[in-house]
C-alpha atoms as a PDB file:
ATOM      1  CA  UNK A   1      97.682 108.789 103.412  1.00  0.00           C
ATOM      2  CA  UNK A   2      96.344 109.021  99.950  1.00  0.00           C
ATOM      3  CA  UNK A   3      98.772 106.220  98.792  1.00  0.00           C
ATOM      4  CA  UNK A   4      97.333 104.089 101.505  1.00  0.00           C
ATOM      5  CA  UNK A   5      93.783 104.592 100.149  1.00  0.00           C
ATOM      6  CA  UNK A   6      94.610 104.786  96.369  1.00  0.00           C
ATOM      7  CA  UNK A   7      96.776 101.720  96.155  1.00  0.00           C
ATOM      8  CA  UNK A   8      94.152  99.182  97.266  1.00  0.00           C
ATOM      9  CA  UNK A   9      91.632 100.725  94.920  1.00  0.00           C
ATOM     10  CA  UNK A  10      93.904 100.584  91.969  1.00  0.00           C
ATOM     11  CA  UNK A  11      95.021  96.955  92.743  1.00  0.00           C
ATOM     12  CA  UNK A  12      91.298  95.931  93.285  1.00  0.00           C
ATOM     13  CA  UNK A  13      90.193  97.535  89.971  1.00  0.00           C
ATOM     14  CA  UNK A  14      93.194  96.034  88.015  1.00  0.00           C
ATOM     15  CA  UNK A  15      92.749  92.507  89.277  1.00  0.00           C
ATOM     16  CA  UNK A  16      89.002  92.251  89.988  1.00  0.00           C
ATOM     17  CA  UNK A  17      87.518  94.197  87.078  1.00  0.00           C
ATOM     18  CA  UNK A  18      90.143  93.061  84.544  1.00  0.00           C
ATOM     19  CA  UNK A  19      90.239  89.366  85.310  1.00  0.00           C
ATOM     20  CA  UNK A  20      86.791  89.053  87.073  1.00  0.00           C
ATOM     21  CA  UNK A  21      85.033  88.648  83.736  1.00  0.00           C
ATOM     22  CA  UNK A  22      87.350  85.762  82.687  1.00  0.00           C
ATOM     23  CA  UNK A  23      87.233  83.903  86.040  1.00  0.00           C
ATOM     24  CA  UNK A  24      83.632  83.840  87.451  1.00  0.00           C
ATOM     25  CA  UNK A  25      84.188  81.137  90.100  1.00  0.00           C
ATOM     26  CA  UNK A  26      86.975  78.899  91.477  1.00  0.00           C
ATOM     27  CA  UNK A  27      86.890  75.236  91.463  1.00  0.00           C
ATOM     28  CA  UNK A  28      85.478  75.150  95.072  1.00  0.00           C
ATOM     29  CA  UNK A  29      82.589  77.514  93.941  1.00  0.00           C
ATOM     30  CA  UNK A  30      83.901  80.572  95.847  1.00  0.00           C
ATOM     31  CA  UNK A  31      83.335  83.843  94.149  1.00  0.00           C
ATOM     32  CA  UNK A  32      86.402  85.381  92.501  1.00  0.00           C
ATOM     33  CA  UNK A  33      86.543  88.371  94.684  1.00  0.00           C
ATOM     34  CA  UNK A  34      86.479  86.357  97.943  1.00  0.00           C
ATOM     35  CA  UNK A  35      89.229  83.992  96.501  1.00  0.00           C
ATOM     36  CA  UNK A  36      91.390  86.936  95.550  1.00  0.00           C
ATOM     37  CA  UNK A  37      90.957  88.868  98.837  1.00  0.00           C
ATOM     38  CA  UNK A  38      93.845  87.348 100.930  1.00  0.00           C
ATOM     39  CA  UNK A  39      96.279  87.875  97.892  1.00  0.00           C
ATOM     40  CA  UNK A  40      95.185  91.475  97.485  1.00  0.00           C
ATOM     41  CA  UNK A  41      95.956  92.148 101.169  1.00  0.00           C
ATOM     42  CA  UNK A  42      99.318  90.426 100.794  1.00  0.00           C
ATOM     43  CA  UNK A  43     100.265  92.454  97.716  1.00  0.00           C
ATOM     44  CA  UNK A  44      99.147  95.722  99.451  1.00  0.00           C
ATOM     45  CA  UNK A  45     101.199  94.794 102.571  1.00  0.00           C
ATOM     46  CA  UNK A  46     104.226  93.929 100.608  1.00  0.00           C
ATOM     47  CA  UNK A  47     104.123  97.184  98.631  1.00  0.00           C
ATOM     48  CA  UNK A  48     103.595  99.262 101.718  1.00  0.00           C
ATOM     49  CA  UNK A  49     106.314  97.682 103.790  1.00  0.00           C
ATOM     50  CA  UNK A  50     109.137  98.265 101.260  1.00  0.00           C
ATOM     51  CA  UNK A  51     109.204 102.121 101.657  1.00  0.00           C
ATOM     52  CA  UNK A  52     108.904 101.770 105.541  1.00  0.00           C
ATOM     53  CA  UNK A  53     111.897  99.443 105.668  1.00  0.00           C
ATOM     54  CA  UNK A  54     113.902 101.588 103.158  1.00  0.00           C
ATOM     55  CA  UNK A  55     113.240 104.696 105.313  1.00  0.00           C
ATOM     56  CA  UNK A  56     114.212 102.884 108.591  1.00  0.00           C
ATOM     57  CA  UNK A  57     117.329 101.145 107.463  1.00  0.00           C
ATOM     58  CA  UNK A  58     118.778 103.055 104.484  1.00  0.00           C
ATOM     59  CA  UNK A  59     117.562 106.580 103.964  1.00  0.00           C
ATOM     60  CA  UNK A  60     118.364 107.830 107.386  1.00  0.00           C
ATOM     61  CA  UNK A  61     121.639 106.085 107.500  1.00  0.00           C
ATOM     62  CA  UNK A  62     122.917 107.241 104.124  1.00  0.00           C
ATOM     63  CA  UNK A  63     122.136 110.887 104.900  1.00  0.00           C
ATOM     64  CA  UNK A  64     123.986 110.483 108.348  1.00  0.00           C
ATOM     65  CA  UNK A  65     121.081 111.776 110.327  1.00  0.00           C
ATOM     66  CA  UNK A  66     121.094 109.052 112.932  1.00  0.00           C
ATOM     67  CA  UNK A  67     124.431 107.188 112.305  1.00  0.00           C
ATOM     68  CA  UNK A  68     126.312 109.177 114.974  1.00  0.00           C
ATOM     69  CA  UNK A  69     123.414 108.766 117.523  1.00  0.00           C
ATOM     70  CA  UNK A  70     123.089 105.087 116.935  1.00  0.00           C
ATOM     71  CA  UNK A  71     126.856 104.534 117.382  1.00  0.00           C
ATOM     72  CA  UNK A  72     126.729 105.954 120.859  1.00  0.00           C
ATOM     73  CA  UNK A  73     123.881 103.920 122.083  1.00  0.00           C
ATOM     74  CA  UNK A  74     124.515 101.063 124.476  1.00  0.00           C
ATOM     75  CA  UNK A  75     122.209  98.731 122.547  1.00  0.00           C
ATOM     76  CA  UNK A  76     123.257  95.630 120.625  1.00  0.00           C
ATOM     77  CA  UNK A  77     122.759  95.361 116.863  1.00  0.00           C
ATOM     78  CA  UNK A  78     119.945  92.724 117.388  1.00  0.00           C
ATOM     79  CA  UNK A  79     118.104  95.197 119.665  1.00  0.00           C
ATOM     80  CA  UNK A  80     118.626  98.055 117.226  1.00  0.00           C
ATOM     81  CA  UNK A  81     117.145  96.026 114.350  1.00  0.00           C
ATOM     82  CA  UNK A  82     114.282  94.934 116.588  1.00  0.00           C
ATOM     83  CA  UNK A  83     113.419  98.414 117.495  1.00  0.00           C
ATOM     84  CA  UNK A  84     113.404  99.393 113.827  1.00  0.00           C
ATOM     85  CA  UNK A  85     111.381  96.308 112.695  1.00  0.00           C
ATOM     86  CA  UNK A  86     108.679  96.409 115.345  1.00  0.00           C
ATOM     87  CA  UNK A  87     107.214  99.901 114.510  1.00  0.00           C
ATOM     88  CA  UNK A  88     107.734  99.145 110.792  1.00  0.00           C
ATOM     89  CA  UNK A  89     105.579  95.963 111.166  1.00  0.00           C
ATOM     90  CA  UNK A  90     102.923  97.895 113.262  1.00  0.00           C
ATOM     91  CA  UNK A  91     102.772 100.656 110.578  1.00  0.00           C
ATOM     92  CA  UNK A  92     102.469  97.959 107.863  1.00  0.00           C
ATOM     93  CA  UNK A  93      99.745  96.223 109.804  1.00  0.00           C
ATOM     94  CA  UNK A  94      97.729  99.388 110.195  1.00  0.00           C
ATOM     95  CA  UNK A  95      98.115  99.980 106.447  1.00  0.00           C
ATOM     96  CA  UNK A  96      96.959  96.433 105.851  1.00  0.00           C
ATOM     97  CA  UNK A  97      93.827  96.835 107.991  1.00  0.00           C
ATOM     98  CA  UNK A  98      92.966 100.082 106.065  1.00  0.00           C
ATOM     99  CA  UNK A  99      93.389  98.121 102.816  1.00  0.00           C
ATOM    100  CA  UNK A 100      91.235  95.307 104.179  1.00  0.00           C
ATOM    101  CA  UNK A 101      88.451  97.699 105.044  1.00  0.00           C
ATOM    102  CA  UNK A 102      88.584  99.256 101.551  1.00  0.00           C
ATOM    103  CA  UNK A 103      88.589  95.869  99.911  1.00  0.00           C
ATOM    104  CA  UNK A 104      85.597  94.871 102.066  1.00  0.00           C
ATOM    105  CA  UNK A 105      83.843  98.071 100.949  1.00  0.00           C
ATOM    106  CA  UNK A 106      84.675  97.474  97.213  1.00  0.00           C
ATOM    107  CA  UNK A 107      83.699  93.818  97.234  1.00  0.00           C
ATOM    108  CA  UNK A 108      79.979  94.579  98.185  1.00  0.00           C
END
């Protein structure tokens, strides 16, 4: 859980404080922080979903923890992939919402 909180703060500090003094406003007169907000959320979401996908698809399979159990299920491959991706996307969405709340707090 600390990674979920620390990562957005580090990304915000690196991009906003570091480049914020160089770029004050965008062409459309948006503040730099508002202009950067969607990109920050996308970066955090991408960084957070990689370990989730790795855990679901590779780590458990390599260590043979669930390989035998999955081979005995009557589900198709598409259903198995869907059942792994849906919770991963929900988990990444929750992490993104936490990051959005942190970014909104830091932008004020």
